[in-house]
PDB file of N, CA and C in Angstrom:
ATOM      1  N   MET A   1      77.930  96.436 116.208  1.00  0.00           N
ATOM      2  CA  MET A   1      78.149  96.819 114.682  1.00  0.00           C
ATOM      3  C   MET A   1      79.592  97.011 114.520  1.00  0.00           C
ATOM      4  N   VAL A   2      79.839  98.407 115.588  1.00  0.00           N
ATOM      5  CA  VAL A   2      81.366  99.027 114.765  1.00  0.00           C
ATOM      6  C   VAL A   2      82.262  97.510 115.197  1.00  0.00           C
ATOM      7  N   ARG A   3      82.481  96.876 115.924  1.00  0.00           N
ATOM      8  CA  ARG A   3      83.388  95.913 116.390  1.00  0.00           C
ATOM      9  C   ARG A   3      83.375  94.990 115.031  1.00  0.00           C
ATOM     10  N   ASP A   4      82.314  94.847 114.619  1.00  0.00           N
ATOM     11  CA  ASP A   4      82.145  93.602 113.400  1.00  0.00           C
ATOM     12  C   ASP A   4      82.909  94.292 112.148  1.00  0.00           C
ATOM     13  N   ILE A   5      82.759  95.832 112.047  1.00  0.00           N
ATOM     14  CA  ILE A   5      83.762  96.398 111.146  1.00  0.00           C
ATOM     15  C   ILE A   5      85.471  96.447 111.522  1.00  0.00           C
ATOM     16  N   HIS A   6      85.480  96.299 112.523  1.00  0.00           N
ATOM     17  CA  HIS A   6      86.813  96.638 113.125  1.00  0.00           C
ATOM     18  C   HIS A   6      87.724  94.652 113.039  1.00  0.00           C
ATOM     19  N   HIS A   7      86.379  93.909 113.243  1.00  0.00           N
ATOM     20  CA  HIS A   7      86.924  92.478 113.320  1.00  0.00           C
ATOM     21  C   HIS A   7      87.364  92.405 111.546  1.00  0.00           C
ATOM     22  N   GLU A   8      86.895  92.885 110.834  1.00  0.00           N
ATOM     23  CA  GLU A   8      86.883  92.297 109.804  1.00  0.00           C
ATOM     24  C   GLU A   8      88.006  93.241 108.804  1.00  0.00           C
ATOM     25  N   VAL A   9      88.469  93.995 109.748  1.00  0.00           N
ATOM     26  CA  VAL A   9      89.801  94.507 109.470  1.00  0.00           C
ATOM     27  C   VAL A   9      90.697  93.825 109.426  1.00  0.00           C
ATOM     28  N   LEU A  10      90.896  93.245 111.010  1.00  0.00           N
ATOM     29  CA  LEU A  10      91.610  92.366 111.433  1.00  0.00           C
ATOM     30  C   LEU A  10      91.939  91.163 111.166  1.00  0.00           C
ATOM     31  N   MET A  11      91.106  90.736 110.772  1.00  0.00           N
ATOM     32  CA  MET A  11      91.078  89.454 110.233  1.00  0.00           C
ATOM     33  C   MET A  11      92.068  89.173 108.759  1.00  0.00           C
ATOM     34  N   ASN A  12      92.165  90.610 108.500  1.00  0.00           N
ATOM     35  CA  ASN A  12      92.571  90.314 107.145  1.00  0.00           C
ATOM     36  C   ASN A  12      94.010  90.586 107.264  1.00  0.00           C
ATOM     37  N   GLN A  13      95.019  91.406 106.141  1.00  0.00           N
ATOM     38  CA  GLN A  13      96.713  91.111 106.846  1.00  0.00           C
ATOM     39  C   GLN A  13      96.223  92.674 107.346  1.00  0.00           C
ATOM     40  N   PHE A  14      96.967  92.574 108.649  1.00  0.00           N
ATOM     41  CA  PHE A  14      97.186  93.598 109.327  1.00  0.00           C
ATOM     42  C   PHE A  14      98.630  94.591 109.266  1.00  0.00           C
ATOM     43  N   ASP A  15      98.605  95.234 108.717  1.00  0.00           N
ATOM     44  CA  ASP A  15      99.559  96.506 108.519  1.00  0.00           C
ATOM     45  C   ASP A  15      99.939  97.390 109.428  1.00  0.00           C
ATOM     46  N   TYR A  16     100.885  97.136 109.825  1.00  0.00           N
ATOM     47  CA  TYR A  16     100.786  98.553 110.852  1.00  0.00           C
ATOM     48  C   TYR A  16     101.629 100.213 110.224  1.00  0.00           C
ATOM     49  N   ALA A  17     101.458  99.922 109.204  1.00  0.00           N
ATOM     50  CA  ALA A  17     101.832 101.097 108.175  1.00  0.00           C
ATOM     51  C   ALA A  17     100.130 102.193 107.793  1.00  0.00           C
ATOM     52  N   ASN A  18      99.355 101.505 108.210  1.00  0.00           N
ATOM     53  CA  ASN A  18      97.863 101.807 107.766  1.00  0.00           C
ATOM     54  C   ASN A  18      96.803 102.900 108.872  1.00  0.00           C
ATOM     55  N   MET A  19      97.121 103.893 108.811  1.00  0.00           N
ATOM     56  CA  MET A  19      96.342 104.424 110.310  1.00  0.00           C
ATOM     57  C   MET A  19      95.259 103.794 110.395  1.00  0.00           C
ATOM     58  N   ASN A  20      94.154 103.725 109.983  1.00  0.00           N
ATOM     59  CA  ASN A  20      92.857 102.821 110.063  1.00  0.00           C
ATOM     60  C   ASN A  20      93.433 101.476 110.588  1.00  0.00           C
ATOM     61  N   ASN A  21      94.168 100.747 110.346  1.00  0.00           N
ATOM     62  CA  ASN A  21      94.355  99.207 111.211  1.00  0.00           C
ATOM     63  C   ASN A  21      94.657 100.110 112.552  1.00  0.00           C
ATOM     64  N   ILE A  22      95.397 100.779 112.846  1.00  0.00           N
ATOM     65  CA  ILE A  22      96.215 101.233 113.914  1.00  0.00           C
ATOM     66  C   ILE A  22      94.697 101.754 115.139  1.00  0.00           C
ATOM     67  N   ARG A  23      93.668 102.780 114.148  1.00  0.00           N
ATOM     68  CA  ARG A  23      92.696 103.256 114.954  1.00  0.00           C
ATOM     69  C   ARG A  23      91.528 101.379 114.923  1.00  0.00           C
ATOM     70  N   SER A  24      91.791 100.513 114.255  1.00  0.00           N
ATOM     71  CA  SER A  24      90.882  99.508 114.416  1.00  0.00           C
ATOM     72  C   SER A  24      91.332  98.685 115.432  1.00  0.00           C
ATOM     73  N   ALA A  25      92.779  98.763 115.889  1.00  0.00           N
ATOM     74  CA  ALA A  25      93.297  97.975 116.832  1.00  0.00           C
ATOM     75  C   ALA A  25      93.036  98.597 118.290  1.00  0.00           C
ATOM     76  N   LEU A  26      93.153  99.972 118.423  1.00  0.00           N
ATOM     77  CA  LEU A  26      92.770 100.516 119.316  1.00  0.00           C
ATOM     78  C   LEU A  26      91.579 100.189 119.945  1.00  0.00           C
ATOM     79  N   ALA A  27      90.377 100.262 118.833  1.00  0.00           N
ATOM     80  CA  ALA A  27      88.644 100.509 119.103  1.00  0.00           C
ATOM     81  C   ALA A  27      88.631  99.034 119.727  1.00  0.00           C
ATOM     82  N   MET A  28      89.401  98.115 119.248  1.00  0.00           N
ATOM     83  CA  MET A  28      89.193  96.186 119.388  1.00  0.00           C
ATOM     84  C   MET A  28      89.913  96.160 120.790  1.00  0.00           C
ATOM     85  N   PHE A  29      90.572  97.271 121.094  1.00  0.00           N
ATOM     86  CA  PHE A  29      91.429  96.181 122.090  1.00  0.00           C
ATOM     87  C   PHE A  29      90.720  95.432 123.168  1.00  0.00           C
ATOM     88  N   ASN A  30      89.793  95.848 123.670  1.00  0.00           N
ATOM     89  CA  ASN A  30      89.172  94.881 124.652  1.00  0.00           C
ATOM     90  C   ASN A  30      88.972  93.447 124.108  1.00  0.00           C
ATOM     91  N   VAL A  31      88.390  93.582 122.946  1.00  0.00           N
ATOM     92  CA  VAL A  31      88.112  91.931 122.140  1.00  0.00           C
ATOM     93  C   VAL A  31      89.436  91.485 121.849  1.00  0.00           C
ATOM     94  N   LEU A  32      90.597  92.210 121.658  1.00  0.00           N
ATOM     95  CA  LEU A  32      91.801  91.696 121.413  1.00  0.00           C
ATOM     96  C   LEU A  32      92.508  90.808 122.935  1.00  0.00           C
ATOM     97  N   GLU A  33      92.543  91.840 124.156  1.00  0.00           N
ATOM     98  CA  GLU A  33      92.628  91.348 125.349  1.00  0.00           C
ATOM     99  C   GLU A  33      92.121  90.168 125.510  1.00  0.00           C
ATOM    100  N   ASP A  34      90.430  89.974 125.211  1.00  0.00           N
ATOM    101  CA  ASP A  34      90.036  88.257 125.419  1.00  0.00           C
ATOM    102  C   ASP A  34      90.512  87.677 124.664  1.00  0.00           C
ATOM    103  N   LYS A  35      90.702  88.028 123.408  1.00  0.00           N
ATOM    104  CA  LYS A  35      91.431  87.008 122.257  1.00  0.00           C
ATOM    105  C   LYS A  35      92.629  85.883 123.140  1.00  0.00           C
ATOM    106  N   MET A  36      93.379  87.330 123.502  1.00  0.00           N
ATOM    107  CA  MET A  36      94.834  87.011 124.394  1.00  0.00           C
ATOM    108  C   MET A  36      95.263  86.158 124.908  1.00  0.00           C
ATOM    109  N   TYR A  37      93.499  86.271 126.608  1.00  0.00           N
ATOM    110  CA  TYR A  37      93.623  85.296 127.219  1.00  0.00           C
ATOM    111  C   TYR A  37      93.603  84.480 126.980  1.00  0.00           C
ATOM    112  N   LYS A  38      92.951  83.587 125.886  1.00  0.00           N
ATOM    113  CA  LYS A  38      92.569  82.576 125.440  1.00  0.00           C
ATOM    114  C   LYS A  38      93.545  82.230 124.449  1.00  0.00           C
ATOM    115  N   GLY A  39      94.681  82.212 124.910  1.00  0.00           N
ATOM    116  CA  GLY A  39      95.863  81.805 123.966  1.00  0.00           C
ATOM    117  C   GLY A  39      96.216  82.391 122.393  1.00  0.00           C
ATOM    118  N   ASN A  40      95.697  83.390 122.101  1.00  0.00           N
ATOM    119  CA  ASN A  40      95.881  83.576 120.527  1.00  0.00           C
ATOM    120  C   ASN A  40      96.935  85.068 120.633  1.00  0.00           C
ATOM    121  N   ALA A  41      98.062  83.954 119.891  1.00  0.00           N
ATOM    122  CA  ALA A  41      99.325  84.776 119.467  1.00  0.00           C
ATOM    123  C   ALA A  41      99.302  85.922 119.099  1.00  0.00           C
ATOM    124  N   SER A  42      98.673  85.550 117.886  1.00  0.00           N
ATOM    125  CA  SER A  42      98.500  87.165 117.056  1.00  0.00           C
ATOM    126  C   SER A  42      97.858  88.330 117.960  1.00  0.00           C
ATOM    127  N   ALA A  43      96.962  88.335 118.679  1.00  0.00           N
ATOM    128  CA  ALA A  43      96.128  88.893 119.634  1.00  0.00           C
ATOM    129  C   ALA A  43      97.284  89.717 120.651  1.00  0.00           C
ATOM    130  N   GLN A  44      98.071  88.562 120.718  1.00  0.00           N
ATOM    131  CA  GLN A  44      99.476  89.056 122.135  1.00  0.00           C
ATOM    132  C   GLN A  44     100.186  90.150 121.440  1.00  0.00           C
ATOM    133  N   ALA A  45     100.406  89.589 120.388  1.00  0.00           N
ATOM    134  CA  ALA A  45     101.728  90.205 119.393  1.00  0.00           C
ATOM    135  C   ALA A  45     101.234  91.970 119.130  1.00  0.00           C
ATOM    136  N   ILE A  46      99.902  92.177 118.765  1.00  0.00           N
ATOM    137  CA  ILE A  46      99.267  93.030 118.339  1.00  0.00           C
ATOM    138  C   ILE A  46      99.358  94.217 119.720  1.00  0.00           C
ATOM    139  N   ILE A  47      98.910  93.656 120.863  1.00  0.00           N
ATOM    140  CA  ILE A  47      98.550  94.395 122.146  1.00  0.00           C
ATOM    141  C   ILE A  47      99.781  94.672 122.429  1.00  0.00           C
ATOM    142  N   LEU A  48     100.866  93.879 122.459  1.00  0.00           N
ATOM    143  CA  LEU A  48     102.172  94.166 123.029  1.00  0.00           C
ATOM    144  C   LEU A  48     102.988  94.936 121.921  1.00  0.00           C
ATOM    145  N   ASP A  49     102.988  95.125 121.048  1.00  0.00           N
ATOM    146  CA  ASP A  49     103.631  95.907 119.744  1.00  0.00           C
ATOM    147  C   ASP A  49     102.713  97.536 120.345  1.00  0.00           C
ATOM    148  N   ILE A  50     101.556  97.488 120.367  1.00  0.00           N
ATOM    149  CA  ILE A  50     100.808  99.067 120.546  1.00  0.00           C
ATOM    150  C   ILE A  50     101.394  99.338 121.995  1.00  0.00           C
ATOM    151  N   ASN A  51     101.185  98.328 123.136  1.00  0.00           N
ATOM    152  CA  ASN A  51     101.752  98.960 124.349  1.00  0.00           C
ATOM    153  C   ASN A  51     102.759  99.446 124.462  1.00  0.00           C
ATOM    154  N   ASN A  52     103.840  99.125 123.820  1.00  0.00           N
ATOM    155  CA  ASN A  52     105.047  99.661 123.773  1.00  0.00           C
ATOM    156  C   ASN A  52     105.328 100.795 122.822  1.00  0.00           C
ATOM    157  N   ALA A  53     104.600 101.216 121.770  1.00  0.00           N
ATOM    158  CA  ALA A  53     104.336 102.066 121.090  1.00  0.00           C
ATOM    159  C   ALA A  53     104.119 103.513 121.694  1.00  0.00           C
ATOM    160  N   MET A  54     102.742 103.185 122.540  1.00  0.00           N
ATOM    161  CA  MET A  54     102.089 104.008 123.485  1.00  0.00           C
ATOM    162  C   MET A  54     103.213 104.474 124.594  1.00  0.00           C
ATOM    163  N   GLU A  55     104.194 103.460 125.017  1.00  0.00           N
ATOM    164  CA  GLU A  55     104.691 104.276 126.281  1.00  0.00           C
ATOM    165  C   GLU A  55     105.260 105.241 125.769  1.00  0.00           C
ATOM    166  N   GLN A  56     105.921 105.261 124.446  1.00  0.00           N
ATOM    167  CA  GLN A  56     106.727 106.195 123.910  1.00  0.00           C
ATOM    168  C   GLN A  56     105.675 107.566 123.568  1.00  0.00           C
ATOM    169  N   LEU A  57     104.854 107.863 123.377  1.00  0.00           N
ATOM    170  CA  LEU A  57     103.886 108.827 123.240  1.00  0.00           C
ATOM    171  C   LEU A  57     104.304 109.868 124.332  1.00  0.00           C
ATOM    172  N   PRO A  58     103.992 111.254 123.804  1.00  0.00           N
ATOM    173  CA  PRO A  58     104.033 112.410 124.890  1.00  0.00           C
ATOM    174  C   PRO A  58     103.030 112.119 125.735  1.00  0.00           C
ATOM    175  N   LYS A  59     102.992 113.071 127.014  1.00  0.00           N
ATOM    176  CA  LYS A  59     101.837 112.527 128.309  1.00  0.00           C
ATOM    177  C   LYS A  59     100.679 113.033 127.871  1.00  0.00           C
ATOM    178  N   ILE A  60     100.075 113.621 127.085  1.00  0.00           N
ATOM    179  CA  ILE A  60      99.463 114.265 126.476  1.00  0.00           C
ATOM    180  C   ILE A  60      98.453 113.521 125.622  1.00  0.00           C
ATOM    181  N   GLU A  61      99.151 112.919 124.829  1.00  0.00           N
ATOM    182  CA  GLU A  61      98.923 112.160 123.722  1.00  0.00           C
ATOM    183  C   GLU A  61      98.052 110.812 123.982  1.00  0.00           C
ATOM    184  N   ARG A  62      99.067 110.643 124.922  1.00  0.00           N
ATOM    185  CA  ARG A  62      98.516 108.803 125.789  1.00  0.00           C
ATOM    186  C   ARG A  62      97.726 109.065 126.803  1.00  0.00           C
ATOM    187  N   GLN A  63      97.471 110.251 127.003  1.00  0.00           N
ATOM    188  CA  GLN A  63      95.898 110.781 128.394  1.00  0.00           C
ATOM    189  C   GLN A  63      95.171 110.769 127.291  1.00  0.00           C
ATOM    190  N   CYS A  64      94.756 111.428 126.010  1.00  0.00           N
ATOM    191  CA  CYS A  64      93.738 111.741 125.174  1.00  0.00           C
ATOM    192  C   CYS A  64      93.156 110.027 124.629  1.00  0.00           C
ATOM    193  N   ILE A  65      94.435 109.343 124.411  1.00  0.00           N
ATOM    194  CA  ILE A  65      94.443 107.855 123.610  1.00  0.00           C
ATOM    195  C   ILE A  65      93.451 106.868 124.574  1.00  0.00           C
ATOM    196  N   ASN A  66      93.964 107.023 125.951  1.00  0.00           N
ATOM    197  CA  ASN A  66      93.356 106.366 126.903  1.00  0.00           C
ATOM    198  C   ASN A  66      92.022 106.521 127.341  1.00  0.00           C
ATOM    199  N   LYS A  67      91.794 107.709 127.405  1.00  0.00           N
ATOM    200  CA  LYS A  67      90.341 108.365 127.757  1.00  0.00           C
ATOM    201  C   LYS A  67      89.486 107.858 126.669  1.00  0.00           C
ATOM    202  N   TYR A  68      89.883 108.173 125.432  1.00  0.00           N
ATOM    203  CA  TYR A  68      89.018 108.295 124.221  1.00  0.00           C
ATOM    204  C   TYR A  68      88.747 106.663 124.188  1.00  0.00           C
ATOM    205  N   TYR A  69      89.969 105.526 123.792  1.00  0.00           N
ATOM    206  CA  TYR A  69      89.824 104.603 123.300  1.00  0.00           C
ATOM    207  C   TYR A  69      89.538 103.311 124.721  1.00  0.00           C
ATOM    208  N   PHE A  70      90.275 103.895 125.890  1.00  0.00           N
ATOM    209  CA  PHE A  70      89.802 102.378 126.820  1.00  0.00           C
ATOM    210  C   PHE A  70      89.149 102.773 127.664  1.00  0.00           C
ATOM    211  N   GLU A  71      88.878 104.119 127.853  1.00  0.00           N
ATOM    212  CA  GLU A  71      87.618 104.667 129.376  1.00  0.00           C
ATOM    213  C   GLU A  71      86.498 105.520 128.691  1.00  0.00           C
ATOM    214  N   GLY A  72      86.186 105.223 127.066  1.00  0.00           N
ATOM    215  CA  GLY A  72      85.151 105.384 126.324  1.00  0.00           C
ATOM    216  C   GLY A  72      84.560 106.866 126.445  1.00  0.00           C
ATOM    217  N   TYR A  73      85.474 107.939 126.850  1.00  0.00           N
ATOM    218  CA  TYR A  73      84.687 109.249 126.760  1.00  0.00           C
ATOM    219  C   TYR A  73      84.865 109.760 125.536  1.00  0.00           C
ATOM    220  N   THR A  74      84.158 110.653 125.501  1.00  0.00           N
ATOM    221  CA  THR A  74      83.816 111.264 124.268  1.00  0.00           C
ATOM    222  C   THR A  74      85.153 112.308 124.054  1.00  0.00           C
ATOM    223  N   GLN A  75      85.160 112.925 122.946  1.00  0.00           N
ATOM    224  CA  GLN A  75      86.432 114.025 122.411  1.00  0.00           C
ATOM    225  C   GLN A  75      85.957 115.151 123.659  1.00  0.00           C
ATOM    226  N   ILE A  76      84.664 115.516 123.681  1.00  0.00           N
ATOM    227  CA  ILE A  76      84.224 117.171 124.482  1.00  0.00           C
ATOM    228  C   ILE A  76      84.710 116.508 125.991  1.00  0.00           C
ATOM    229  N   GLU A  77      84.138 114.931 126.292  1.00  0.00           N
ATOM    230  CA  GLU A  77      84.091 114.797 127.792  1.00  0.00           C
ATOM    231  C   GLU A  77      85.917 115.175 128.044  1.00  0.00           C
ATOM    232  N   ILE A  78      86.566 114.857 127.390  1.00  0.00           N
ATOM    233  CA  ILE A  78      88.118 114.789 127.489  1.00  0.00           C
ATOM    234  C   ILE A  78      88.649 116.054 127.293  1.00  0.00           C
ATOM    235  N   ALA A  79      87.861 117.167 126.646  1.00  0.00           N
ATOM    236  CA  ALA A  79      88.515 118.209 126.442  1.00  0.00           C
ATOM    237  C   ALA A  79      88.257 119.020 128.065  1.00  0.00           C
ATOM    238  N   TRP A  80      86.800 118.940 128.683  1.00  0.00           N
ATOM    239  CA  TRP A  80      86.350 119.424 129.453  1.00  0.00           C
ATOM    240  C   TRP A  80      87.469 118.704 130.831  1.00  0.00           C
ATOM    241  N   GLN A  81      87.646 117.517 131.111  1.00  0.00           N
ATOM    242  CA  GLN A  81      88.647 117.080 131.665  1.00  0.00           C
ATOM    243  C   GLN A  81      90.345 117.552 131.687  1.00  0.00           C
ATOM    244  N   LEU A  82      90.330 117.952 130.415  1.00  0.00           N
ATOM    245  CA  LEU A  82      92.076 118.285 130.508  1.00  0.00           C
ATOM    246  C   LEU A  82      92.369 119.662 130.086  1.00  0.00           C
ATOM    247  N   ASN A  83      90.551 120.652 130.216  1.00  0.00           N
ATOM    248  CA  ASN A  83      90.773 121.764 130.182  1.00  0.00           C
ATOM    249  C   ASN A  83      91.341 122.272 129.080  1.00  0.00           C
ATOM    250  N   ILE A  84      90.770 122.040 127.781  1.00  0.00           N
ATOM    251  CA  ILE A  84      91.553 121.787 126.305  1.00  0.00           C
ATOM    252  C   ILE A  84      90.544 122.367 125.844  1.00  0.00           C
ATOM    253  N   SER A  85      90.229 122.654 124.295  1.00  0.00           N
ATOM    254  CA  SER A  85      89.225 122.638 123.579  1.00  0.00           C
ATOM    255  C   SER A  85      89.480 121.009 122.690  1.00  0.00           C
ATOM    256  N   GLN A  86      87.990 120.673 122.021  1.00  0.00           N
ATOM    257  CA  GLN A  86      87.812 119.464 121.497  1.00  0.00           C
ATOM    258  C   GLN A  86      88.671 119.168 120.303  1.00  0.00           C
ATOM    259  N   ARG A  87      88.879 120.970 119.589  1.00  0.00           N
ATOM    260  CA  ARG A  87      89.938 120.255 118.379  1.00  0.00           C
ATOM    261  C   ARG A  87      91.331 120.278 118.979  1.00  0.00           C
ATOM    262  N   LEU A  88      91.473 120.834 120.093  1.00  0.00           N
ATOM    263  CA  LEU A  88      92.841 120.045 120.575  1.00  0.00           C
ATOM    264  C   LEU A  88      93.163 118.257 120.926  1.00  0.00           C
ATOM    265  N   VAL A  89      92.033 117.911 121.223  1.00  0.00           N
ATOM    266  CA  VAL A  89      91.905 116.441 122.024  1.00  0.00           C
ATOM    267  C   VAL A  89      92.168 115.829 120.272  1.00  0.00           C
ATOM    268  N   SER A  90      91.082 116.624 119.727  1.00  0.00           N
ATOM    269  CA  SER A  90      91.039 115.492 118.279  1.00  0.00           C
ATOM    270  C   SER A  90      92.481 115.044 117.709  1.00  0.00           C
ATOM    271  N   GLY A  91      93.281 116.476 117.510  1.00  0.00           N
ATOM    272  CA  GLY A  91      94.559 116.820 117.479  1.00  0.00           C
ATOM    273  C   GLY A  91      95.581 115.889 117.958  1.00  0.00           C
ATOM    274  N   HIS A  92      95.433 115.637 119.245  1.00  0.00           N
ATOM    275  CA  HIS A  92      96.260 114.699 119.963  1.00  0.00           C
ATOM    276  C   HIS A  92      95.810 113.441 120.022  1.00  0.00           C
ATOM    277  N   ILE A  93      94.666 113.137 119.407  1.00  0.00           N
ATOM    278  CA  ILE A  93      94.500 111.481 119.006  1.00  0.00           C
ATOM    279  C   ILE A  93      94.994 111.392 117.956  1.00  0.00           C
ATOM    280  N   THR A  94      94.882 112.476 116.659  1.00  0.00           N
ATOM    281  CA  THR A  94      95.666 111.850 115.323  1.00  0.00           C
ATOM    282  C   THR A  94      97.210 111.618 115.571  1.00  0.00           C
ATOM    283  N   SER A  95      97.524 112.590 116.174  1.00  0.00           N
ATOM    284  CA  SER A  95      98.997 113.183 116.534  1.00  0.00           C
ATOM    285  C   SER A  95      99.467 111.334 116.938  1.00  0.00           C
ATOM    286  N   ALA A  96      99.136 111.327 118.417  1.00  0.00           N
ATOM    287  CA  ALA A  96      99.153 109.902 118.773  1.00  0.00           C
ATOM    288  C   ALA A  96      98.657 108.573 117.835  1.00  0.00           C
ATOM    289  N   ILE A  97      97.703 108.274 117.101  1.00  0.00           N
ATOM    290  CA  ILE A  97      97.871 107.307 116.211  1.00  0.00           C
ATOM    291  C   ILE A  97      99.233 107.154 114.972  1.00  0.00           C
ATOM    292  N   GLY A  98      98.960 108.566 114.869  1.00  0.00           N
ATOM    293  CA  GLY A  98     100.318 108.927 113.991  1.00  0.00           C
ATOM    294  C   GLY A  98     101.961 108.464 114.318  1.00  0.00           C
ATOM    295  N   HIS A  99     101.828 108.484 115.675  1.00  0.00           N
ATOM    296  CA  HIS A  99     102.888 108.216 116.459  1.00  0.00           C
ATOM    297  C   HIS A  99     102.831 106.950 116.510  1.00  0.00           C
ATOM    298  N   ILE A 100     102.268 106.155 116.914  1.00  0.00           N
ATOM    299  CA  ILE A 100     101.882 104.627 117.254  1.00  0.00           C
ATOM    300  C   ILE A 100     102.303 103.929 115.780  1.00  0.00           C
ATOM    301  N   MET A 101     101.598 104.583 114.751  1.00  0.00           N
ATOM    302  CA  MET A 101     101.923 104.222 113.222  1.00  0.00           C
ATOM    303  C   MET A 101     103.598 104.165 112.551  1.00  0.00           C
ATOM    304  N   GLN A 102     104.124 105.044 113.223  1.00  0.00           N
ATOM    305  CA  GLN A 102     105.470 105.402 112.938  1.00  0.00           C
ATOM    306  C   GLN A 102     106.538 104.508 113.302  1.00  0.00           C
ATOM    307  N   VAL A 103     106.131 103.948 115.008  1.00  0.00           N
ATOM    308  CA  VAL A 103     106.930 103.144 115.402  1.00  0.00           C
ATOM    309  C   VAL A 103     107.040 102.017 115.007  1.00  0.00           C
ATOM    310  N   LEU A 104     105.582 101.689 114.792  1.00  0.00           N
ATOM    311  CA  LEU A 104     105.451 100.144 114.622  1.00  0.00           C
ATOM    312  C   LEU A 104     106.126  99.972 113.167  1.00  0.00           C
ATOM    313  N   ALA A 105     105.650 100.694 112.662  1.00  0.00           N
ATOM    314  CA  ALA A 105     105.593 100.496 110.801  1.00  0.00           C
ATOM    315  C   ALA A 105     107.680 101.051 110.537  1.00  0.00           C
ATOM    316  N   GLY A 106     108.106 101.835 111.844  1.00  0.00           N
ATOM    317  CA  GLY A 106     109.530 101.876 111.484  1.00  0.00           C
ATOM    318  C   GLY A 106     110.388 100.777 111.813  1.00  0.00           C
ATOM    319  N   GLU A 107     109.439  99.848 112.597  1.00  0.00           N
ATOM    320  CA  GLU A 107     110.424  98.530 113.110  1.00  0.00           C
ATOM    321  C   GLU A 107     110.043  97.167 111.931  1.00  0.00           C
ATOM    322  N   ASN A 108     109.000  97.858 110.916  1.00  0.00           N
ATOM    323  CA  ASN A 108     108.869  96.988 109.647  1.00  0.00           C
ATOM    324  C   ASN A 108     107.762  95.703 110.158  1.00  0.00           C
ATOM    325  N   LEU A 109     106.776  96.259 111.563  1.00  0.00           N
ATOM    326  CA  LEU A 109     106.141  95.056 112.050  1.00  0.00           C
ATOM    327  C   LEU A 109     104.862  94.556 110.852  1.00  0.00           C
ATOM    328  N   LEU A 110     104.933  93.110 110.451  1.00  0.00           N
ATOM    329  CA  LEU A 110     103.376  92.880 109.882  1.00  0.00           C
ATOM    330  C   LEU A 110     103.203  91.559 110.475  1.00  0.00           C
ATOM    331  N   ILE A 111     101.729  91.745 110.908  1.00  0.00           N
ATOM    332  CA  ILE A 111     101.143  90.188 110.714  1.00  0.00           C
ATOM    333  C   ILE A 111     100.289  89.711 110.291  1.00  0.00           C
ATOM    334  N   GLN A 112     100.534  88.625 109.833  1.00  0.00           N
ATOM    335  CA  GLN A 112      99.749  88.107 108.960  1.00  0.00           C
ATOM    336  C   GLN A 112      98.764  87.529 109.732  1.00  0.00           C
ATOM    337  N   MET A 113      97.608  87.532 109.575  1.00  0.00           N
ATOM    338  CA  MET A 113      96.103  87.534 110.698  1.00  0.00           C
ATOM    339  C   MET A 113      95.343  86.542 109.389  1.00  0.00           C
ATOM    340  N   MET A 114      94.946  85.229 109.792  1.00  0.00           N
ATOM    341  CA  MET A 114      94.343  84.022 109.093  1.00  0.00           C
ATOM    342  C   MET A 114      92.841  84.469 109.503  1.00  0.00           C
ATOM    343  N   VAL A 115      91.928  84.313 108.131  1.00  0.00           N
ATOM    344  CA  VAL A 115      90.726  84.526 108.645  1.00  0.00           C
ATOM    345  C   VAL A 115      90.069  83.802 109.276  1.00  0.00           C
ATOM    346  N   GLY A 116      89.260  83.999 110.598  1.00  0.00           N
ATOM    347  CA  GLY A 116      89.153  82.767 111.699  1.00  0.00           C
ATOM    348  C   GLY A 116      89.638  82.602 112.716  1.00  0.00           C
ATOM    349  N   GLU A 117      91.333  83.511 112.573  1.00  0.00           N
ATOM    350  CA  GLU A 117      92.013  83.098 113.642  1.00  0.00           C
ATOM    351  C   GLU A 117      91.591  83.994 115.074  1.00  0.00           C
ATOM    352  N   LEU A 118      91.070  85.220 114.835  1.00  0.00           N
ATOM    353  CA  LEU A 118      90.272  85.997 115.911  1.00  0.00           C
ATOM    354  C   LEU A 118      89.063  85.478 116.482  1.00  0.00           C
ATOM    355  N   ASP A 119      88.402  84.257 115.963  1.00  0.00           N
ATOM    356  CA  ASP A 119      87.362  83.910 116.207  1.00  0.00           C
ATOM    357  C   ASP A 119      87.066  83.124 117.521  1.00  0.00           C
TER     358      ASP A 119
END
């Protein structure tokens, strides 16, 4: 169900200046990877852009993003693993998304996604 919601967002104009779009792309990263391996150029562009932006994150923000979006840990589990509070984990995730958005929006990146292109 969550993927369906994110899928709808990605099927429209994908604007990197929108924080919710960044969250959606991160949440759907495995779906985007699958589409990239099937030859979808737009999915590949989004993945490359996000990976490049993530390389610029401070280590703690990158760890929180990786654990939350790619490894499937909850914020509480991440807090326990990193020996920090859940509130701090939440702040790092929000900050990381903001940094990713700034890097990508700062480069004026905009990908037009055609309806059904990721299907």
